Amino acid sequence: IIDFKTSAQPDNPYWKLQGAFYHMLASKEIKNLSNKVMFIQFMKDKDGAKIPKVHQYEVPQYFPLCHSALNVYRHFNG
């Protein structure tokens, strides 16, 4: 799974959870999906050129947290 980001904030802590949710959704349709999620962040350097930076995460460790967040959401939103 690859997600493209234009955020100026590097390596946002929520990206790991976002990637885990993406993986959980995609794994419903895709068998043997890699446990890695990649975020490609496009940032401008001092000259205005866009330099991509790659952030890669193993996401299974975040699945329990995602399930907990989903349960809390469902509790308060039906």
Protein backbone atom coordinates (compact mmCIF):
# COMPACT_ATOMS: atom_id res chain seq x y z
CA ILE A 1 0.00 0.00 0.00
CA ILE A 2 1.40 3.39 -0.99
CA ASP A 3 0.01 6.75 0.09
CA PHE A 4 1.26 10.06 -1.28
CA LYS A 5 1.54 12.97 1.13
CA THR A 6 2.13 16.69 0.61
CA SER A 7 2.18 17.55 4.30
CA ALA A 8 5.02 19.72 5.53
CA GLN A 9 5.04 17.82 8.82
CA PRO A 10 7.43 14.91 8.38
CA ASP A 11 6.50 11.46 9.62
CA ASN A 12 3.16 12.36 11.18
CA PRO A 13 2.45 9.95 14.09
CA TYR A 14 -1.05 9.29 12.72
CA TRP A 15 0.32 7.91 9.46
CA LYS A 16 1.03 4.56 11.12
CA LEU A 17 -2.58 4.23 12.21
CA GLN A 18 -3.85 5.46 8.86
CA GLY A 19 -1.68 2.87 7.14
CA ALA A 20 -2.97 0.13 9.43
CA PHE A 21 -6.58 1.08 8.63
CA TYR A 22 -5.76 1.08 4.90
CA HIS A 23 -4.23 -2.36 5.28
CA MET A 24 -7.23 -3.70 7.19
CA LEU A 25 -9.57 -2.48 4.45
CA ALA A 26 -7.43 -3.68 1.55
CA SER A 27 -6.85 -7.11 3.10
CA LYS A 28 -10.59 -7.80 2.75
CA GLU A 29 -10.10 -7.91 -1.05
CA ILE A 30 -6.40 -8.70 -1.51
CA LYS A 31 -4.98 -11.98 -0.23
CA ASN A 32 -1.35 -12.21 0.96
CA LEU A 33 -1.05 -8.43 1.24
CA SER A 34 2.35 -7.21 2.44
CA ASN A 35 2.44 -5.97 6.04
CA LYS A 36 4.35 -2.89 4.91
CA VAL A 37 2.74 0.44 4.16
CA MET A 38 4.69 3.17 2.42
CA PHE A 39 4.06 6.90 2.57
CA ILE A 40 5.81 9.04 -0.03
CA GLN A 41 6.04 12.59 1.24
CA PHE A 42 6.62 15.35 -1.28
CA MET A 43 8.46 18.27 0.29
CA LYS A 44 10.06 21.38 -1.14
CA ASP A 45 13.72 22.00 -0.53
CA LYS A 46 15.21 25.49 -0.07
CA ASP A 47 15.25 26.04 -3.85
CA GLY A 48 11.58 25.07 -4.25
CA ALA A 49 12.29 21.70 -5.84
CA LYS A 50 10.16 18.80 -4.65
CA ILE A 51 12.18 16.11 -2.94
CA PRO A 52 10.24 12.95 -2.03
CA LYS A 53 10.93 11.24 1.27
CA VAL A 54 9.81 7.67 1.87
CA HIS A 55 8.41 6.51 5.21
CA GLN A 56 7.78 2.77 5.50
CA TYR A 57 6.05 1.00 8.38
CA GLU A 58 5.18 -2.55 9.40
CA VAL A 59 1.54 -2.18 10.41
CA PRO A 60 0.30 -5.36 12.17
CA GLN A 61 1.38 -4.04 15.56
CA TYR A 62 -1.12 -1.17 15.13
CA PHE A 63 -4.14 -3.39 14.36
CA PRO A 64 -5.27 -3.70 18.02
CA LEU A 65 -5.15 0.07 18.42
CA CYS A 66 -7.15 0.53 15.21
CA HIS A 67 -9.77 -1.94 16.39
CA SER A 68 -10.01 -0.07 19.71
CA ALA A 69 -10.42 3.27 17.94
CA LEU A 70 -13.09 1.78 15.69
CA ASN A 71 -14.96 0.37 18.69
CA VAL A 72 -14.89 3.76 20.44
CA TYR A 73 -16.13 5.47 17.28
CA ARG A 74 -18.96 2.95 16.91
CA HIS A 75 -19.89 3.33 20.58
CA PHE A 76 -20.39 7.08 20.27
CA ASN A 77 -21.76 7.13 16.72
CA GLY A 78 -23.96 4.05 16.55
